[in-house]
Amino acid sequence: MADLIIWMIAFTISISVTVLSAAAGHYDLHMGISAVVTLTIAVVAVQLHRKLMAAKAHRSTLAAATSRYIGLVWIWAACAILVIYEFILTWRESWHFVIGLSIVGALCLGLAHMFDRDGVSGKQDDTLLSLGRTLNVLQVFGMLITVIGLVADGKFGFDARDAMRPDWAANNIFFFGAIAVALIGAHALVAEKKLEQAR
């Protein structure tokens, strides 16, 4: 319960700070805060995954941790973009992304719940684990493409800062959120491969 309260407080504060930096119109500050928040989630996810592996946790428990933290990144991004473009900046397409991010985040959290249930009961649903792994692979590659696309299109970096298009804040969140999801997912895939080789 204490962990949940701490996460809720951290979630609220991180969104508030991200929104305030967008309200100030400070591109570099907003970019930095977006990076710190999303990459912190990734670091915590990787550390937890390593601890679970060291404790020889059930495969479903490992999969639950991965799905939960990836879902957290998606939901955080959706909430930050929603607040920024509902109350601070104007970007008509923001709702499309808020809905999309929320749906994917909810699916990840739902999958984490199912993995948790199997982990507690000691069951191993190979079909569900295979689905989770496939989704993880797709997300990792999808996020790498997103990062490359944002840079190639000039929507992230010096060109984006100079242009300050309406979607500049969202693109900062997309960029670092994508990196965070890719890091969490890639670590889980590599760890899973090592587990298979150790058997």
N, C-alpha and C. Protein backbone atom coordinates (compact mmCIF):
# COMPACT_ATOMS: atom_id res chain seq x y z
N MET A 1 0.82 -1.20 0.00
CA MET A 1 0.00 0.00 0.00
C MET A 1 0.87 1.26 0.00
N ALA A 2 1.95 1.21 0.80
CA ALA A 2 2.86 2.36 0.88
C ALA A 2 3.50 2.62 -0.47
N ASP A 3 3.88 1.53 -1.17
CA ASP A 3 4.49 1.69 -2.49
C ASP A 3 3.54 2.36 -3.47
N LEU A 4 2.26 1.99 -3.39
CA LEU A 4 1.26 2.57 -4.28
C LEU A 4 1.11 4.07 -4.02
N ILE A 5 1.08 4.45 -2.76
CA ILE A 5 0.95 5.86 -2.40
C ILE A 5 2.15 6.65 -2.90
N ILE A 6 3.35 6.09 -2.72
CA ILE A 6 4.58 6.76 -3.18
C ILE A 6 4.53 6.94 -4.70
N TRP A 7 4.10 5.90 -5.42
CA TRP A 7 4.03 5.99 -6.88
C TRP A 7 3.00 7.02 -7.31
N MET A 8 1.88 7.09 -6.62
CA MET A 8 0.84 8.07 -6.97
C MET A 8 1.34 9.50 -6.76
N ILE A 9 2.06 9.72 -5.66
CA ILE A 9 2.61 11.04 -5.39
C ILE A 9 3.65 11.41 -6.44
N ALA A 10 4.54 10.46 -6.74
CA ALA A 10 5.58 10.70 -7.75
C ALA A 10 4.97 10.96 -9.12
N PHE A 11 3.93 10.20 -9.44
CA PHE A 11 3.23 10.35 -10.73
C PHE A 11 2.64 11.75 -10.84
N THR A 12 1.97 12.19 -9.79
CA THR A 12 1.32 13.51 -9.79
C THR A 12 2.34 14.64 -9.87
N ILE A 13 3.40 14.53 -9.08
CA ILE A 13 4.44 15.58 -9.09
C ILE A 13 5.12 15.66 -10.43
N SER A 14 5.45 14.49 -11.02
CA SER A 14 6.17 14.48 -12.30
C SER A 14 5.33 15.10 -13.41
N ILE A 15 4.02 14.82 -13.41
CA ILE A 15 3.16 15.43 -14.42
C ILE A 15 3.05 16.93 -14.20
N SER A 16 2.93 17.34 -12.93
CA SER A 16 2.83 18.76 -12.61
C SER A 16 4.06 19.54 -13.08
N VAL A 17 5.23 18.99 -12.82
CA VAL A 17 6.47 19.66 -13.21
C VAL A 17 6.59 19.71 -14.73
N THR A 18 6.20 18.63 -15.39
CA THR A 18 6.26 18.59 -16.86
C THR A 18 5.32 19.63 -17.46
N VAL A 19 4.13 19.74 -16.89
CA VAL A 19 3.14 20.72 -17.38
C VAL A 19 3.63 22.14 -17.13
N LEU A 20 4.20 22.40 -15.97
CA LEU A 20 4.70 23.75 -15.66
C LEU A 20 5.82 24.17 -16.60
N SER A 21 6.69 23.21 -16.94
CA SER A 21 7.78 23.55 -17.86
C SER A 21 7.24 23.84 -19.26
N ALA A 22 6.16 23.16 -19.64
CA ALA A 22 5.52 23.45 -20.94
C ALA A 22 4.86 24.82 -20.89
N ALA A 23 4.23 25.14 -19.76
CA ALA A 23 3.57 26.44 -19.60
C ALA A 23 4.58 27.58 -19.68
N ALA A 24 5.79 27.31 -19.21
CA ALA A 24 6.85 28.34 -19.27
C ALA A 24 7.39 28.50 -20.68
N GLY A 25 7.05 27.55 -21.56
CA GLY A 25 7.51 27.61 -22.94
C GLY A 25 9.00 27.37 -23.08
N HIS A 26 9.58 26.68 -22.09
CA HIS A 26 11.02 26.43 -22.09
C HIS A 26 11.29 25.05 -22.66
N TYR A 27 11.67 25.00 -23.92
CA TYR A 27 11.86 23.73 -24.63
C TYR A 27 12.87 22.83 -23.94
N ASP A 28 14.06 23.36 -23.66
CA ASP A 28 15.12 22.54 -23.09
C ASP A 28 14.76 22.01 -21.70
N LEU A 29 14.13 22.83 -20.89
CA LEU A 29 13.72 22.41 -19.56
C LEU A 29 12.68 21.30 -19.65
N HIS A 30 11.70 21.49 -20.52
CA HIS A 30 10.66 20.48 -20.70
C HIS A 30 11.26 19.18 -21.22
N MET A 31 12.19 19.29 -22.16
CA MET A 31 12.85 18.11 -22.70
C MET A 31 13.59 17.37 -21.59
N GLY A 32 14.31 18.12 -20.76
CA GLY A 32 15.07 17.51 -19.68
C GLY A 32 14.18 16.81 -18.67
N ILE A 33 13.08 17.46 -18.30
CA ILE A 33 12.16 16.86 -17.33
C ILE A 33 11.51 15.60 -17.91
N SER A 34 11.11 15.66 -19.17
CA SER A 34 10.53 14.49 -19.83
C SER A 34 11.51 13.33 -19.83
N ALA A 35 12.78 13.65 -20.08
CA ALA A 35 13.82 12.62 -20.09
C ALA A 35 14.01 12.01 -18.71
N VAL A 36 14.11 12.87 -17.70
CA VAL A 36 14.34 12.38 -16.33
C VAL A 36 13.20 11.49 -15.86
N VAL A 37 11.97 11.92 -16.09
CA VAL A 37 10.81 11.15 -15.62
C VAL A 37 10.72 9.79 -16.29
N THR A 38 10.73 9.78 -17.62
CA THR A 38 10.55 8.51 -18.34
C THR A 38 11.73 7.56 -18.15
N LEU A 39 12.94 8.10 -18.16
CA LEU A 39 14.11 7.23 -18.01
C LEU A 39 14.24 6.73 -16.57
N THR A 40 13.73 7.50 -15.61
CA THR A 40 13.71 7.01 -14.22
C THR A 40 12.79 5.80 -14.10
N ILE A 41 11.65 5.87 -14.77
CA ILE A 41 10.73 4.72 -14.77
C ILE A 41 11.43 3.51 -15.38
N ALA A 42 12.18 3.73 -16.46
CA ALA A 42 12.89 2.63 -17.12
C ALA A 42 13.95 2.03 -16.20
N VAL A 43 14.71 2.87 -15.51
CA VAL A 43 15.76 2.39 -14.61
C VAL A 43 15.15 1.58 -13.47
N VAL A 44 14.07 2.08 -12.88
CA VAL A 44 13.40 1.36 -11.79
C VAL A 44 12.88 0.01 -12.30
N ALA A 45 12.32 0.00 -13.51
CA ALA A 45 11.80 -1.24 -14.08
C ALA A 45 12.90 -2.27 -14.29
N VAL A 46 14.03 -1.83 -14.82
CA VAL A 46 15.16 -2.75 -15.07
C VAL A 46 15.72 -3.28 -13.75
N GLN A 47 15.87 -2.42 -12.76
CA GLN A 47 16.39 -2.85 -11.46
C GLN A 47 15.46 -3.87 -10.80
N LEU A 48 14.15 -3.61 -10.87
CA LEU A 48 13.19 -4.55 -10.29
C LEU A 48 13.24 -5.89 -11.02
N HIS A 49 13.33 -5.84 -12.33
CA HIS A 49 13.39 -7.07 -13.12
C HIS A 49 14.62 -7.89 -12.74
N ARG A 50 15.75 -7.21 -12.54
CA ARG A 50 16.97 -7.92 -12.15
C ARG A 50 16.84 -8.56 -10.76
N LYS A 51 16.19 -7.83 -9.85
CA LYS A 51 15.97 -8.38 -8.50
C LYS A 51 15.08 -9.61 -8.56
N LEU A 52 14.04 -9.54 -9.38
CA LEU A 52 13.14 -10.68 -9.52
C LEU A 52 13.85 -11.87 -10.14
N MET A 53 14.71 -11.61 -11.10
CA MET A 53 15.48 -12.69 -11.72
C MET A 53 16.44 -13.32 -10.71
N ALA A 54 17.09 -12.49 -9.91
CA ALA A 54 18.02 -13.00 -8.90
C ALA A 54 17.29 -13.86 -7.87
N ALA A 55 16.03 -13.50 -7.61
CA ALA A 55 15.22 -14.27 -6.66
C ALA A 55 14.54 -15.46 -7.32
N LYS A 56 14.87 -15.69 -8.62
CA LYS A 56 14.29 -16.79 -9.39
C LYS A 56 12.76 -16.73 -9.39
N ALA A 57 12.25 -15.55 -9.66
CA ALA A 57 10.80 -15.35 -9.69
C ALA A 57 10.18 -16.12 -10.86
N HIS A 58 8.90 -16.39 -10.73
CA HIS A 58 8.13 -17.09 -11.76
C HIS A 58 8.16 -16.27 -13.06
N ARG A 59 8.15 -16.95 -14.20
CA ARG A 59 8.19 -16.26 -15.49
C ARG A 59 7.02 -15.28 -15.64
N SER A 60 5.87 -15.65 -15.10
CA SER A 60 4.70 -14.77 -15.18
C SER A 60 4.90 -13.51 -14.36
N THR A 61 5.58 -13.65 -13.23
CA THR A 61 5.88 -12.49 -12.39
C THR A 61 6.83 -11.53 -13.09
N LEU A 62 7.81 -12.08 -13.79
CA LEU A 62 8.75 -11.26 -14.57
C LEU A 62 8.00 -10.53 -15.69
N ALA A 63 7.13 -11.26 -16.38
CA ALA A 63 6.37 -10.66 -17.48
C ALA A 63 5.43 -9.57 -16.95
N ALA A 64 4.88 -9.78 -15.75
CA ALA A 64 3.98 -8.79 -15.15
C ALA A 64 4.72 -7.49 -14.88
N ALA A 65 5.94 -7.59 -14.36
CA ALA A 65 6.73 -6.40 -14.05
C ALA A 65 7.02 -5.60 -15.32
N THR A 66 7.39 -6.32 -16.38
CA THR A 66 7.69 -5.65 -17.65
C THR A 66 6.46 -4.93 -18.19
N SER A 67 5.34 -5.64 -18.25
CA SER A 67 4.10 -5.05 -18.78
C SER A 67 3.63 -3.87 -17.94
N ARG A 68 3.77 -3.98 -16.62
CA ARG A 68 3.30 -2.92 -15.73
C ARG A 68 4.07 -1.62 -15.94
N TYR A 69 5.38 -1.73 -16.02
CA TYR A 69 6.18 -0.51 -16.16
C TYR A 69 6.08 0.10 -17.56
N ILE A 70 5.94 -0.74 -18.57
CA ILE A 70 5.70 -0.20 -19.91
C ILE A 70 4.35 0.51 -19.92
N GLY A 71 3.35 -0.11 -19.30
CA GLY A 71 2.03 0.52 -19.20
C GLY A 71 2.08 1.83 -18.45
N LEU A 72 2.93 1.89 -17.43
CA LEU A 72 3.07 3.13 -16.65
C LEU A 72 3.62 4.26 -17.52
N VAL A 73 4.58 3.95 -18.38
CA VAL A 73 5.13 4.97 -19.29
C VAL A 73 4.04 5.48 -20.22
N TRP A 74 3.26 4.57 -20.79
CA TRP A 74 2.18 4.96 -21.71
C TRP A 74 1.15 5.85 -21.01
N ILE A 75 0.73 5.44 -19.81
CA ILE A 75 -0.29 6.19 -19.09
C ILE A 75 0.24 7.55 -18.65
N TRP A 76 1.49 7.59 -18.20
CA TRP A 76 2.09 8.88 -17.80
C TRP A 76 2.11 9.82 -19.00
N ALA A 77 2.54 9.32 -20.15
CA ALA A 77 2.60 10.15 -21.35
C ALA A 77 1.21 10.66 -21.73
N ALA A 78 0.21 9.78 -21.66
CA ALA A 78 -1.16 10.18 -22.00
C ALA A 78 -1.65 11.28 -21.07
N CYS A 79 -1.42 11.14 -19.78
CA CYS A 79 -1.88 12.13 -18.80
C CYS A 79 -1.16 13.47 -18.99
N ALA A 80 0.16 13.42 -19.21
CA ALA A 80 0.93 14.65 -19.39
C ALA A 80 0.47 15.41 -20.63
N ILE A 81 0.29 14.69 -21.73
CA ILE A 81 -0.14 15.33 -22.97
C ILE A 81 -1.56 15.88 -22.83
N LEU A 82 -2.43 15.12 -22.16
CA LEU A 82 -3.80 15.57 -21.95
C LEU A 82 -3.84 16.90 -21.21
N VAL A 83 -3.13 17.00 -20.10
CA VAL A 83 -3.16 18.21 -19.28
C VAL A 83 -2.51 19.38 -20.02
N ILE A 84 -1.38 19.11 -20.67
CA ILE A 84 -0.68 20.19 -21.39
C ILE A 84 -1.55 20.79 -22.48
N TYR A 85 -2.19 19.92 -23.28
CA TYR A 85 -2.94 20.43 -24.44
C TYR A 85 -4.42 20.73 -24.14
N GLU A 86 -4.84 20.40 -22.95
CA GLU A 86 -6.19 20.80 -22.53
C GLU A 86 -6.17 22.16 -21.86
N PHE A 87 -5.06 22.47 -21.14
CA PHE A 87 -5.03 23.69 -20.34
C PHE A 87 -3.92 24.68 -20.68
N ILE A 88 -2.88 24.23 -21.39
CA ILE A 88 -1.73 25.12 -21.62
C ILE A 88 -1.54 25.46 -23.10
N LEU A 89 -1.26 24.48 -23.90
CA LEU A 89 -0.98 24.68 -25.32
C LEU A 89 -2.15 24.22 -26.17
N THR A 90 -2.08 24.51 -27.46
CA THR A 90 -3.15 24.11 -28.37
C THR A 90 -2.58 23.26 -29.51
N TRP A 91 -3.14 22.07 -29.64
CA TRP A 91 -2.75 21.16 -30.72
C TRP A 91 -3.94 20.25 -30.96
N ARG A 92 -4.61 20.45 -32.08
CA ARG A 92 -5.87 19.75 -32.33
C ARG A 92 -5.74 18.24 -32.36
N GLU A 93 -4.59 17.72 -32.80
CA GLU A 93 -4.42 16.28 -32.92
C GLU A 93 -4.09 15.59 -31.59
N SER A 94 -3.95 16.35 -30.53
CA SER A 94 -3.52 15.77 -29.25
C SER A 94 -4.45 14.67 -28.76
N TRP A 95 -5.75 14.83 -28.99
CA TRP A 95 -6.71 13.85 -28.49
C TRP A 95 -6.50 12.47 -29.10
N HIS A 96 -6.11 12.44 -30.37
CA HIS A 96 -5.86 11.15 -31.02
C HIS A 96 -4.77 10.39 -30.27
N PHE A 97 -3.72 11.10 -29.92
CA PHE A 97 -2.60 10.46 -29.24
C PHE A 97 -2.92 10.12 -27.79
N VAL A 98 -3.67 10.98 -27.13
CA VAL A 98 -4.07 10.70 -25.75
C VAL A 98 -4.89 9.42 -25.69
N ILE A 99 -5.84 9.28 -26.61
CA ILE A 99 -6.67 8.07 -26.64
C ILE A 99 -5.83 6.84 -26.96
N GLY A 100 -4.96 6.97 -27.97
CA GLY A 100 -4.11 5.84 -28.36
C GLY A 100 -3.19 5.40 -27.24
N LEU A 101 -2.51 6.36 -26.61
CA LEU A 101 -1.60 6.04 -25.51
C LEU A 101 -2.35 5.42 -24.34
N SER A 102 -3.54 5.93 -24.05
CA SER A 102 -4.34 5.40 -22.94
C SER A 102 -4.77 3.96 -23.19
N ILE A 103 -5.16 3.67 -24.42
CA ILE A 103 -5.60 2.31 -24.76
C ILE A 103 -4.44 1.32 -24.63
N VAL A 104 -3.30 1.68 -25.21
CA VAL A 104 -2.14 0.78 -25.13
C VAL A 104 -1.70 0.61 -23.67
N GLY A 105 -1.71 1.71 -22.91
CA GLY A 105 -1.34 1.63 -21.51
C GLY A 105 -2.27 0.73 -20.72
N ALA A 106 -3.57 0.87 -20.97
CA ALA A 106 -4.56 0.04 -20.28
C ALA A 106 -4.39 -1.43 -20.64
N LEU A 107 -4.09 -1.71 -21.91
CA LEU A 107 -3.86 -3.10 -22.34
C LEU A 107 -2.64 -3.69 -21.63
N CYS A 108 -1.58 -2.90 -21.52
CA CYS A 108 -0.37 -3.37 -20.84
C CYS A 108 -0.64 -3.65 -19.36
N LEU A 109 -1.38 -2.75 -18.71
CA LEU A 109 -1.70 -2.95 -17.29
C LEU A 109 -2.64 -4.14 -17.10
N GLY A 110 -3.57 -4.33 -18.04
CA GLY A 110 -4.45 -5.49 -17.98
C GLY A 110 -3.68 -6.78 -18.14
N LEU A 111 -2.72 -6.79 -19.05
CA LEU A 111 -1.87 -7.96 -19.26
C LEU A 111 -1.03 -8.24 -18.02
N ALA A 112 -0.53 -7.16 -17.40
CA ALA A 112 0.26 -7.31 -16.17
C ALA A 112 -0.58 -7.96 -15.08
N HIS A 113 -1.85 -7.56 -14.98
CA HIS A 113 -2.75 -8.15 -13.98
C HIS A 113 -2.92 -9.65 -14.21
N MET A 114 -3.08 -10.05 -15.46
CA MET A 114 -3.23 -11.47 -15.77
C MET A 114 -1.95 -12.25 -15.46
N PHE A 115 -0.81 -11.65 -15.77
CA PHE A 115 0.47 -12.30 -15.43
C PHE A 115 0.63 -12.41 -13.92
N ASP A 116 0.27 -11.37 -13.21
CA ASP A 116 0.35 -11.40 -11.74
C ASP A 116 -0.49 -12.54 -11.16
N ARG A 117 -1.68 -12.67 -11.69
CA ARG A 117 -2.58 -13.73 -11.22
C ARG A 117 -1.96 -15.11 -11.42
N ASP A 118 -1.35 -15.31 -12.58
CA ASP A 118 -0.69 -16.59 -12.85
C ASP A 118 0.53 -16.79 -11.96
N GLY A 119 1.28 -15.71 -11.74
CA GLY A 119 2.46 -15.80 -10.90
C GLY A 119 2.13 -16.17 -9.47
N VAL A 120 1.07 -15.59 -8.93
CA VAL A 120 0.65 -15.88 -7.55
C VAL A 120 0.18 -17.32 -7.42
N SER A 121 -0.53 -17.80 -8.42
CA SER A 121 -1.06 -19.17 -8.37
C SER A 121 -0.03 -20.21 -8.78
N GLY A 122 1.11 -19.73 -9.32
CA GLY A 122 2.15 -20.66 -9.74
C GLY A 122 1.90 -21.28 -11.10
N LYS A 123 0.89 -20.79 -11.81
CA LYS A 123 0.58 -21.32 -13.14
C LYS A 123 1.45 -20.64 -14.19
N GLN A 124 1.60 -21.32 -15.32
CA GLN A 124 2.34 -20.74 -16.44
C GLN A 124 1.52 -20.93 -17.71
N ASP A 125 0.96 -19.84 -18.17
CA ASP A 125 0.16 -19.87 -19.39
C ASP A 125 1.10 -19.53 -20.55
N ASP A 126 1.55 -20.56 -21.25
CA ASP A 126 2.52 -20.35 -22.33
C ASP A 126 1.98 -19.49 -23.45
N THR A 127 0.68 -19.62 -23.72
CA THR A 127 0.06 -18.81 -24.77
C THR A 127 0.10 -17.33 -24.39
N LEU A 128 -0.24 -17.04 -23.14
CA LEU A 128 -0.23 -15.66 -22.66
C LEU A 128 1.19 -15.10 -22.64
N LEU A 129 2.15 -15.92 -22.20
CA LEU A 129 3.54 -15.49 -22.18
C LEU A 129 4.05 -15.22 -23.59
N SER A 130 3.64 -16.06 -24.53
CA SER A 130 4.03 -15.86 -25.92
C SER A 130 3.44 -14.57 -26.48
N LEU A 131 2.18 -14.30 -26.11
CA LEU A 131 1.53 -13.06 -26.54
C LEU A 131 2.27 -11.85 -25.97
N GLY A 132 2.61 -11.93 -24.68
CA GLY A 132 3.33 -10.85 -24.03
C GLY A 132 4.68 -10.59 -24.69
N ARG A 133 5.37 -11.67 -25.03
CA ARG A 133 6.69 -11.53 -25.67
C ARG A 133 6.53 -10.90 -27.06
N THR A 134 5.54 -11.34 -27.82
CA THR A 134 5.31 -10.79 -29.16
C THR A 134 4.99 -9.29 -29.09
N LEU A 135 4.13 -8.91 -28.16
CA LEU A 135 3.79 -7.50 -27.98
C LEU A 135 5.01 -6.69 -27.57
N ASN A 136 5.85 -7.30 -26.74
CA ASN A 136 7.06 -6.64 -26.29
C ASN A 136 8.01 -6.38 -27.47
N VAL A 137 8.19 -7.39 -28.31
CA VAL A 137 9.05 -7.25 -29.50
C VAL A 137 8.52 -6.14 -30.41
N LEU A 138 7.20 -6.15 -30.64
CA LEU A 138 6.59 -5.14 -31.51
C LEU A 138 6.77 -3.74 -30.95
N GLN A 139 6.62 -3.61 -29.63
CA GLN A 139 6.77 -2.30 -29.01
C GLN A 139 8.21 -1.80 -29.08
N VAL A 140 9.17 -2.70 -28.85
CA VAL A 140 10.58 -2.29 -28.91
C VAL A 140 10.92 -1.77 -30.31
N PHE A 141 10.55 -2.53 -31.33
CA PHE A 141 10.85 -2.09 -32.69
C PHE A 141 10.04 -0.84 -33.06
N GLY A 142 8.79 -0.79 -32.62
CA GLY A 142 7.96 0.37 -32.89
C GLY A 142 8.52 1.63 -32.27
N MET A 143 9.06 1.52 -31.06
CA MET A 143 9.62 2.68 -30.38
C MET A 143 10.92 3.15 -31.03
N LEU A 144 11.73 2.19 -31.52
CA LEU A 144 12.96 2.56 -32.22
C LEU A 144 12.63 3.34 -33.50
N ILE A 145 11.60 2.88 -34.20
CA ILE A 145 11.16 3.56 -35.42
C ILE A 145 10.64 4.96 -35.08
N THR A 146 9.91 5.06 -33.96
CA THR A 146 9.38 6.36 -33.51
C THR A 146 10.50 7.35 -33.25
N VAL A 147 11.53 6.91 -32.53
CA VAL A 147 12.66 7.78 -32.20
C VAL A 147 13.36 8.26 -33.48
N ILE A 148 13.63 7.33 -34.38
CA ILE A 148 14.29 7.67 -35.64
C ILE A 148 13.42 8.63 -36.45
N GLY A 149 12.11 8.35 -36.49
CA GLY A 149 11.19 9.18 -37.25
C GLY A 149 11.10 10.60 -36.74
N LEU A 150 11.08 10.76 -35.41
CA LEU A 150 11.00 12.10 -34.82
C LEU A 150 12.23 12.93 -35.16
N VAL A 151 13.39 12.29 -35.11
CA VAL A 151 14.63 13.01 -35.44
C VAL A 151 14.68 13.31 -36.93
N ALA A 152 14.36 12.32 -37.76
CA ALA A 152 14.42 12.49 -39.22
C ALA A 152 13.46 13.57 -39.71
N ASP A 153 12.29 13.67 -39.07
CA ASP A 153 11.28 14.66 -39.47
C ASP A 153 11.52 16.04 -38.87
N GLY A 154 12.57 16.17 -38.07
CA GLY A 154 12.87 17.46 -37.45
C GLY A 154 11.90 17.82 -36.33
N LYS A 155 11.24 16.79 -35.74
CA LYS A 155 10.29 17.06 -34.67
C LYS A 155 10.91 16.94 -33.28
N PHE A 156 12.19 16.59 -33.25
CA PHE A 156 12.90 16.54 -31.97
C PHE A 156 14.33 17.04 -32.20
N GLY A 157 14.82 17.85 -31.27
CA GLY A 157 16.18 18.35 -31.38
C GLY A 157 16.24 19.84 -31.66
N PHE A 158 17.36 20.28 -32.21
CA PHE A 158 17.58 21.72 -32.42
C PHE A 158 16.58 22.32 -33.40
N ASP A 159 16.27 21.61 -34.47
CA ASP A 159 15.32 22.14 -35.45
C ASP A 159 13.95 22.33 -34.82
N ALA A 160 13.54 21.34 -34.02
CA ALA A 160 12.22 21.42 -33.37
C ALA A 160 12.19 22.56 -32.36
N ARG A 161 13.28 22.75 -31.65
CA ARG A 161 13.35 23.83 -30.65
C ARG A 161 13.23 25.19 -31.33
N ASP A 162 13.90 25.33 -32.46
CA ASP A 162 13.87 26.60 -33.18
C ASP A 162 12.49 26.88 -33.77
N ALA A 163 11.83 25.81 -34.26
CA ALA A 163 10.52 25.98 -34.91
C ALA A 163 9.39 26.15 -33.89
N MET A 164 9.50 25.45 -32.74
CA MET A 164 8.49 25.50 -31.69
C MET A 164 7.07 25.31 -32.26
N ARG A 165 6.87 24.21 -32.97
CA ARG A 165 5.54 23.89 -33.48
C ARG A 165 4.61 23.59 -32.32
N PRO A 166 3.30 23.59 -32.55
CA PRO A 166 2.35 23.33 -31.46
C PRO A 166 2.57 22.00 -30.74
N ASP A 167 3.11 21.01 -31.46
CA ASP A 167 3.28 19.68 -30.87
C ASP A 167 4.64 19.47 -30.21
N TRP A 168 5.40 20.55 -29.97
CA TRP A 168 6.76 20.40 -29.46
C TRP A 168 6.82 19.66 -28.12
N ALA A 169 5.90 19.97 -27.23
CA ALA A 169 5.91 19.32 -25.91
C ALA A 169 5.57 17.84 -26.03
N ALA A 170 4.59 17.53 -26.86
CA ALA A 170 4.21 16.13 -27.07
C ALA A 170 5.37 15.34 -27.67
N ASN A 171 6.09 15.94 -28.59
CA ASN A 171 7.20 15.25 -29.23
C ASN A 171 8.34 14.95 -28.26
N ASN A 172 8.57 15.86 -27.31
CA ASN A 172 9.56 15.57 -26.25
C ASN A 172 9.14 14.34 -25.46
N ILE A 173 7.85 14.29 -25.12
CA ILE A 173 7.33 13.16 -24.35
C ILE A 173 7.36 11.88 -25.19
N PHE A 174 6.98 11.98 -26.46
CA PHE A 174 7.03 10.82 -27.34
C PHE A 174 8.45 10.26 -27.43
N PHE A 175 9.41 11.15 -27.62
CA PHE A 175 10.80 10.74 -27.84
C PHE A 175 11.35 9.96 -26.65
N PHE A 176 11.26 10.55 -25.47
CA PHE A 176 11.84 9.89 -24.30
C PHE A 176 10.95 8.76 -23.78
N GLY A 177 9.65 8.88 -23.98
CA GLY A 177 8.77 7.77 -23.63
C GLY A 177 9.08 6.55 -24.47
N ALA A 178 9.34 6.78 -25.76
CA ALA A 178 9.69 5.68 -26.67
C ALA A 178 11.00 5.02 -26.25
N ILE A 179 11.97 5.83 -25.86
CA ILE A 179 13.25 5.27 -25.40
C ILE A 179 13.05 4.44 -24.14
N ALA A 180 12.23 4.94 -23.22
CA ALA A 180 11.98 4.22 -21.98
C ALA A 180 11.31 2.88 -22.24
N VAL A 181 10.29 2.87 -23.09
CA VAL A 181 9.59 1.62 -23.42
C VAL A 181 10.56 0.64 -24.08
N ALA A 182 11.38 1.14 -25.01
CA ALA A 182 12.35 0.28 -25.70
C ALA A 182 13.36 -0.31 -24.72
N LEU A 183 13.83 0.49 -23.77
CA LEU A 183 14.81 0.00 -22.79
C LEU A 183 14.20 -1.09 -21.90
N ILE A 184 13.01 -0.84 -21.40
CA ILE A 184 12.34 -1.82 -20.53
C ILE A 184 12.11 -3.12 -21.29
N GLY A 185 11.57 -2.98 -22.50
CA GLY A 185 11.26 -4.16 -23.30
C GLY A 185 12.50 -4.92 -23.73
N ALA A 186 13.54 -4.20 -24.18
CA ALA A 186 14.76 -4.86 -24.64
C ALA A 186 15.44 -5.61 -23.51
N HIS A 187 15.48 -5.00 -22.32
CA HIS A 187 16.08 -5.67 -21.17
C HIS A 187 15.34 -6.97 -20.86
N ALA A 188 14.02 -6.94 -20.89
CA ALA A 188 13.23 -8.13 -20.60
C ALA A 188 13.48 -9.22 -21.64
N LEU A 189 13.58 -8.83 -22.91
CA LEU A 189 13.81 -9.81 -23.97
C LEU A 189 15.18 -10.47 -23.84
N VAL A 190 16.20 -9.66 -23.54
CA VAL A 190 17.56 -10.21 -23.36
C VAL A 190 17.60 -11.14 -22.15
N ALA A 191 16.95 -10.72 -21.06
CA ALA A 191 16.92 -11.54 -19.84
C ALA A 191 16.21 -12.86 -20.09
N GLU A 192 15.12 -12.80 -20.84
CA GLU A 192 14.37 -14.02 -21.16
C GLU A 192 15.22 -14.98 -21.99
N LYS A 193 15.99 -14.42 -22.92
CA LYS A 193 16.88 -15.24 -23.76
C LYS A 193 17.93 -15.94 -22.90
N LYS A 194 18.48 -15.22 -21.92
CA LYS A 194 19.48 -15.80 -21.03
C LYS A 194 18.88 -16.92 -20.20
N LEU A 195 17.64 -16.73 -19.75
CA LEU A 195 16.97 -17.77 -18.97
C LEU A 195 16.78 -19.04 -19.79
N GLU A 196 16.40 -18.87 -21.05
CA GLU A 196 16.20 -20.02 -21.93
C GLU A 196 17.51 -20.76 -22.19
N GLN A 197 18.60 -20.01 -22.33
CA GLN A 197 19.90 -20.62 -22.59
C GLN A 197 20.43 -21.34 -21.36
N ALA A 198 20.03 -20.85 -20.16
CA ALA A 198 20.50 -21.46 -18.92
C ALA A 198 19.83 -22.79 -18.62
N ARG A 199 18.71 -23.05 -19.31
CA ARG A 199 17.98 -24.28 -19.05
C ARG A 199 18.58 -25.47 -19.76
